């Protein structure tokens, strides 16, 4: 739907809580796609963090 090139994904049990999981995703994405996905995921996660390359900035609401 968002046409994102997913390069790598992995999951593991959270270090915060045993009942939660952490999911790590590496993808090839542009700014607009990243903002769209970021806002979509915010409503479905407890914690969401993005570590973009140094030359990339994420727009916040």
PDB file of N, CA and C in Angstrom:
ATOM      1  N   UNK A   1       0.818  -1.194   0.000  1.00  0.00           N
ATOM      2  CA  UNK A   1       0.000   0.000   0.000  1.00  0.00           C
ATOM      3  C   UNK A   1       0.866   1.263   0.000  1.00  0.00           C
ATOM      4  N   UNK A   2       1.888   1.314   0.815  1.00  0.00           N
ATOM      5  CA  UNK A   2       2.755   2.496   0.882  1.00  0.00           C
ATOM      6  C   UNK A   2       3.971   2.372  -0.024  1.00  0.00           C
ATOM      7  N   UNK A   3       4.151   1.243  -0.679  1.00  0.00           N
ATOM      8  CA  UNK A   3       5.238   1.024  -1.636  1.00  0.00           C
ATOM      9  C   UNK A   3       6.611   1.297  -1.033  1.00  0.00           C
ATOM     10  N   UNK A   4       6.880   0.636   0.069  1.00  0.00           N
ATOM     11  CA  UNK A   4       8.157   0.773   0.766  1.00  0.00           C
ATOM     12  C   UNK A   4       9.007  -0.450   0.464  1.00  0.00           C
ATOM     13  N   UNK A   5      10.273  -0.233   0.170  1.00  0.00           N
ATOM     14  CA  UNK A   5      11.194  -1.332  -0.070  1.00  0.00           C
ATOM     15  C   UNK A   5      11.779  -1.781   1.273  1.00  0.00           C
ATOM     16  N   UNK A   6      11.309  -2.903   1.776  1.00  0.00           N
ATOM     17  CA  UNK A   6      11.751  -3.438   3.059  1.00  0.00           C
ATOM     18  C   UNK A   6      13.054  -4.203   2.860  1.00  0.00           C
ATOM     19  N   UNK A   7      14.125  -3.747   3.517  1.00  0.00           N
ATOM     20  CA  UNK A   7      15.438  -4.361   3.361  1.00  0.00           C
ATOM     21  C   UNK A   7      15.718  -5.432   4.409  1.00  0.00           C
ATOM     22  N   UNK A   8      15.240  -5.204   5.633  1.00  0.00           N
ATOM     23  CA  UNK A   8      15.510  -6.147   6.720  1.00  0.00           C
ATOM     24  C   UNK A   8      14.482  -5.924   7.821  1.00  0.00           C
ATOM     25  N   UNK A   9      14.034  -7.020   8.443  1.00  0.00           N
ATOM     26  CA  UNK A   9      13.135  -6.922   9.587  1.00  0.00           C
ATOM     27  C   UNK A   9      13.509  -8.006  10.585  1.00  0.00           C
ATOM     28  N   UNK A  10      13.483  -7.651  11.856  1.00  0.00           N
ATOM     29  CA  UNK A  10      13.722  -8.643  12.910  1.00  0.00           C
ATOM     30  C   UNK A  10      12.931  -8.252  14.145  1.00  0.00           C
ATOM     31  N   UNK A  11      12.651  -9.235  14.973  1.00  0.00           N
ATOM     32  CA  UNK A  11      11.911  -8.980  16.207  1.00  0.00           C
ATOM     33  C   UNK A  11      12.562  -9.737  17.352  1.00  0.00           C
ATOM     34  N   UNK A  12      12.332  -9.223  18.533  1.00  0.00           N
ATOM     35  CA  UNK A  12      12.832  -9.878  19.748  1.00  0.00           C
ATOM     36  C   UNK A  12      11.957  -9.448  20.913  1.00  0.00           C
ATOM     37  N   UNK A  13      12.015 -10.226  21.976  1.00  0.00           N
ATOM     38  CA  UNK A  13      11.278  -9.851  23.181  1.00  0.00           C
ATOM     39  C   UNK A  13      11.838  -8.544  23.716  1.00  0.00           C
ATOM     40  N   UNK A  14      10.945  -7.727  24.215  1.00  0.00           N
ATOM     41  CA  UNK A  14      11.336  -6.424  24.723  1.00  0.00           C
ATOM     42  C   UNK A  14      12.148  -6.553  26.006  1.00  0.00           C
ATOM     43  N   UNK A  15      13.100  -5.659  26.166  1.00  0.00           N
ATOM     44  CA  UNK A  15      13.850  -5.584  27.424  1.00  0.00           C
ATOM     45  C   UNK A  15      13.057  -4.796  28.460  1.00  0.00           C
ATOM     46  N   UNK A  16      12.048  -4.066  28.014  1.00  0.00           N
ATOM     47  CA  UNK A  16      11.203  -3.289  28.922  1.00  0.00           C
ATOM     48  C   UNK A  16      10.187  -4.181  29.636  1.00  0.00           C
ATOM     49  N   UNK A  17       9.513  -5.050  28.844  1.00  0.00           N
ATOM     50  CA  UNK A  17       8.479  -5.939  29.393  1.00  0.00           C
ATOM     51  C   UNK A  17       8.508  -7.260  28.646  1.00  0.00           C
ATOM     52  N   UNK A  18       8.346  -8.345  29.372  1.00  0.00           N
ATOM     53  CA  UNK A  18       8.345  -9.671  28.749  1.00  0.00           C
ATOM     54  C   UNK A  18       7.150  -9.888  27.830  1.00  0.00           C
ATOM     55  N   UNK A  19       6.074  -9.189  28.072  1.00  0.00           N
ATOM     56  CA  UNK A  19       4.865  -9.381  27.266  1.00  0.00           C
ATOM     57  C   UNK A  19       4.880  -8.579  25.963  1.00  0.00           C
ATOM     58  N   UNK A  20       5.954  -7.827  25.715  1.00  0.00           N
ATOM     59  CA  UNK A  20       6.040  -6.996  24.517  1.00  0.00           C
ATOM     60  C   UNK A  20       7.197  -7.434  23.631  1.00  0.00           C
ATOM     61  N   UNK A  21       7.154  -6.995  22.386  1.00  0.00           N
ATOM     62  CA  UNK A  21       8.216  -7.288  21.424  1.00  0.00           C
ATOM     63  C   UNK A  21       8.757  -5.999  20.836  1.00  0.00           C
ATOM     64  N   UNK A  22      10.009  -6.055  20.437  1.00  0.00           N
ATOM     65  CA  UNK A  22      10.632  -4.959  19.706  1.00  0.00           C
ATOM     66  C   UNK A  22      10.812  -5.429  18.270  1.00  0.00           C
ATOM     67  N   UNK A  23      10.468  -4.579  17.341  1.00  0.00           N
ATOM     68  CA  UNK A  23      10.589  -4.911  15.925  1.00  0.00           C
ATOM     69  C   UNK A  23      11.490  -3.872  15.277  1.00  0.00           C
ATOM     70  N   UNK A  24      12.529  -4.352  14.602  1.00  0.00           N
ATOM     71  CA  UNK A  24      13.497  -3.486  13.936  1.00  0.00           C
ATOM     72  C   UNK A  24      13.319  -3.641  12.433  1.00  0.00           C
ATOM     73  N   UNK A  25      13.232  -2.508  11.752  1.00  0.00           N
ATOM     74  CA  UNK A  25      12.986  -2.516  10.315  1.00  0.00           C
ATOM     75  C   UNK A  25      13.989  -1.596   9.628  1.00  0.00           C
ATOM     76  N   UNK A  26      14.582  -2.097   8.570  1.00  0.00           N
ATOM     77  CA  UNK A  26      15.455  -1.290   7.716  1.00  0.00           C
ATOM     78  C   UNK A  26      14.783  -1.226   6.353  1.00  0.00           C
ATOM     79  N   UNK A  27      14.554  -0.015   5.866  1.00  0.00           N
ATOM     80  CA  UNK A  27      13.833   0.114   4.605  1.00  0.00           C
ATOM     81  C   UNK A  27      14.366   1.273   3.775  1.00  0.00           C
ATOM     82  N   UNK A  28      14.104   1.180   2.500  1.00  0.00           N
ATOM     83  CA  UNK A  28      14.442   2.231   1.546  1.00  0.00           C
ATOM     84  C   UNK A  28      13.171   3.049   1.352  1.00  0.00           C
ATOM     85  N   UNK A  29      13.195   4.296   1.812  1.00  0.00           N
ATOM     86  CA  UNK A  29      11.956   5.062   1.911  1.00  0.00           C
ATOM     87  C   UNK A  29      12.259   6.553   1.737  1.00  0.00           C
ATOM     88  N   UNK A  30      11.296   7.288   1.216  1.00  0.00           N
ATOM     89  CA  UNK A  30      11.486   8.738   1.119  1.00  0.00           C
ATOM     90  C   UNK A  30      10.822   9.429   2.310  1.00  0.00           C
ATOM     91  N   UNK A  31      11.000  10.714   2.414  1.00  0.00           N
ATOM     92  CA  UNK A  31      10.470  11.475   3.557  1.00  0.00           C
ATOM     93  C   UNK A  31       8.960  11.355   3.703  1.00  0.00           C
ATOM     94  N   UNK A  32       8.270  11.523   2.628  1.00  0.00           N
ATOM     95  CA  UNK A  32       6.812  11.471   2.680  1.00  0.00           C
ATOM     96  C   UNK A  32       6.329  10.096   3.143  1.00  0.00           C
ATOM     97  N   UNK A  33       6.909   9.041   2.609  1.00  0.00           N
ATOM     98  CA  UNK A  33       6.535   7.682   3.016  1.00  0.00           C
ATOM     99  C   UNK A  33       6.852   7.457   4.493  1.00  0.00           C
ATOM    100  N   UNK A  34       8.005   7.922   4.929  1.00  0.00           N
ATOM    101  CA  UNK A  34       8.392   7.747   6.330  1.00  0.00           C
ATOM    102  C   UNK A  34       7.420   8.460   7.254  1.00  0.00           C
ATOM    103  N   UNK A  35       7.055   9.671   6.927  1.00  0.00           N
ATOM    104  CA  UNK A  35       6.081  10.402   7.740  1.00  0.00           C
ATOM    105  C   UNK A  35       4.738   9.687   7.772  1.00  0.00           C
ATOM    106  N   UNK A  36       4.284   9.202   6.635  1.00  0.00           N
ATOM    107  CA  UNK A  36       3.010   8.477   6.583  1.00  0.00           C
ATOM    108  C   UNK A  36       3.048   7.232   7.465  1.00  0.00           C
ATOM    109  N   UNK A  37       4.098   6.462   7.342  1.00  0.00           N
ATOM    110  CA  UNK A  37       4.213   5.222   8.116  1.00  0.00           C
ATOM    111  C   UNK A  37       4.396   5.511   9.599  1.00  0.00           C
ATOM    112  N   UNK A  38       5.184   6.519   9.901  1.00  0.00           N
ATOM    113  CA  UNK A  38       5.394   6.908  11.291  1.00  0.00           C
ATOM    114  C   UNK A  38       4.059   7.227  11.964  1.00  0.00           C
ATOM    115  N   UNK A  39       3.238   8.022  11.319  1.00  0.00           N
ATOM    116  CA  UNK A  39       1.942   8.394  11.892  1.00  0.00           C
ATOM    117  C   UNK A  39       0.985   7.208  11.955  1.00  0.00           C
ATOM    118  N   UNK A  40       1.043   6.338  11.008  1.00  0.00           N
ATOM    119  CA  UNK A  40       0.221   5.133  11.032  1.00  0.00           C
ATOM    120  C   UNK A  40       0.617   4.225  12.203  1.00  0.00           C
ATOM    121  N   UNK A  41       1.905   4.017  12.389  1.00  0.00           N
ATOM    122  CA  UNK A  41       2.385   3.122  13.445  1.00  0.00           C
ATOM    123  C   UNK A  41       2.195   3.692  14.850  1.00  0.00           C
ATOM    124  N   UNK A  42       2.231   4.998  14.992  1.00  0.00           N
ATOM    125  CA  UNK A  42       2.074   5.620  16.311  1.00  0.00           C
ATOM    126  C   UNK A  42       0.793   5.177  17.004  1.00  0.00           C
ATOM    127  N   UNK A  43      -0.254   4.955  16.248  1.00  0.00           N
ATOM    128  CA  UNK A  43      -1.529   4.564  16.852  1.00  0.00           C
ATOM    129  C   UNK A  43      -1.583   3.077  17.214  1.00  0.00           C
ATOM    130  N   UNK A  44      -0.572   2.306  16.820  1.00  0.00           N
ATOM    131  CA  UNK A  44      -0.568   0.864  17.063  1.00  0.00           C
ATOM    132  C   UNK A  44       0.579   0.393  17.948  1.00  0.00           C
ATOM    133  N   UNK A  45       1.359   1.317  18.475  1.00  0.00           N
ATOM    134  CA  UNK A  45       2.526   0.934  19.266  1.00  0.00           C
ATOM    135  C   UNK A  45       2.566   1.677  20.590  1.00  0.00           C
ATOM    136  N   UNK A  46       3.273   1.090  21.560  1.00  0.00           N
ATOM    137  CA  UNK A  46       3.504   1.771  22.831  1.00  0.00           C
ATOM    138  C   UNK A  46       4.672   2.739  22.725  1.00  0.00           C
ATOM    139  N   UNK A  47       5.713   2.312  22.032  1.00  0.00           N
ATOM    140  CA  UNK A  47       6.912   3.132  21.844  1.00  0.00           C
ATOM    141  C   UNK A  47       7.307   3.032  20.379  1.00  0.00           C
ATOM    142  N   UNK A  48       7.608   4.158  19.771  1.00  0.00           N
ATOM    143  CA  UNK A  48       8.047   4.176  18.380  1.00  0.00           C
ATOM    144  C   UNK A  48       9.214   5.137  18.267  1.00  0.00           C
ATOM    145  N   UNK A  49      10.319   4.640  17.767  1.00  0.00           N
ATOM    146  CA  UNK A  49      11.472   5.517  17.550  1.00  0.00           C
ATOM    147  C   UNK A  49      12.014   5.276  16.154  1.00  0.00           C
ATOM    148  N   UNK A  50      12.559   6.332  15.591  1.00  0.00           N
ATOM    149  CA  UNK A  50      13.095   6.282  14.239  1.00  0.00           C
ATOM    150  C   UNK A  50      14.529   6.778  14.288  1.00  0.00           C
ATOM    151  N   UNK A  51      15.419   6.014  13.694  1.00  0.00           N
ATOM    152  CA  UNK A  51      16.826   6.394  13.626  1.00  0.00           C
ATOM    153  C   UNK A  51      17.219   6.586  12.169  1.00  0.00           C
ATOM    154  N   UNK A  52      16.898   7.761  11.621  1.00  0.00           N
ATOM    155  CA  UNK A  52      17.215   8.008  10.211  1.00  0.00           C
ATOM    156  C   UNK A  52      18.690   8.353  10.022  1.00  0.00           C
ATOM    157  N   UNK A  53      19.158   8.333   8.800  1.00  0.00           N
ATOM    158  CA  UNK A  53      20.528   8.786   8.527  1.00  0.00           C
ATOM    159  C   UNK A  53      20.702  10.235   8.965  1.00  0.00           C
ATOM    160  N   UNK A  54      21.929  10.654   9.156  1.00  0.00           N
ATOM    161  CA  UNK A  54      22.226  12.005   9.638  1.00  0.00           C
ATOM    162  C   UNK A  54      21.648  13.107   8.761  1.00  0.00           C
ATOM    163  N   UNK A  55      21.548  12.872   7.481  1.00  0.00           N
ATOM    164  CA  UNK A  55      21.080  13.917   6.571  1.00  0.00           C
ATOM    165  C   UNK A  55      19.578  13.877   6.333  1.00  0.00           C
ATOM    166  N   UNK A  56      18.848  13.207   7.203  1.00  0.00           N
ATOM    167  CA  UNK A  56      17.411  13.023   7.030  1.00  0.00           C
ATOM    168  C   UNK A  56      16.691  13.597   8.231  1.00  0.00           C
ATOM    169  N   UNK A  57      15.650  14.390   8.019  1.00  0.00           N
ATOM    170  CA  UNK A  57      14.875  14.941   9.130  1.00  0.00           C
ATOM    171  C   UNK A  57      13.434  14.496   9.012  1.00  0.00           C
ATOM    172  N   UNK A  58      12.826  14.235  10.143  1.00  0.00           N
ATOM    173  CA  UNK A  58      11.451  13.764  10.206  1.00  0.00           C
ATOM    174  C   UNK A  58      10.565  14.901  10.685  1.00  0.00           C
ATOM    175  N   UNK A  59       9.490  15.180   9.957  1.00  0.00           N
ATOM    176  CA  UNK A  59       8.552  16.224  10.365  1.00  0.00           C
ATOM    177  C   UNK A  59       7.639  15.671  11.449  1.00  0.00           C
ATOM    178  N   UNK A  60       7.456  16.423  12.510  1.00  0.00           N
ATOM    179  CA  UNK A  60       6.542  16.052  13.591  1.00  0.00           C
ATOM    180  C   UNK A  60       5.238  16.821  13.424  1.00  0.00           C
ATOM    181  N   UNK A  61       4.166  16.331  14.069  1.00  0.00           N
ATOM    182  CA  UNK A  61       2.880  17.055  14.041  1.00  0.00           C
ATOM    183  C   UNK A  61       2.996  18.354  14.788  1.00  0.00           C
TER     184      UNK A  61
END
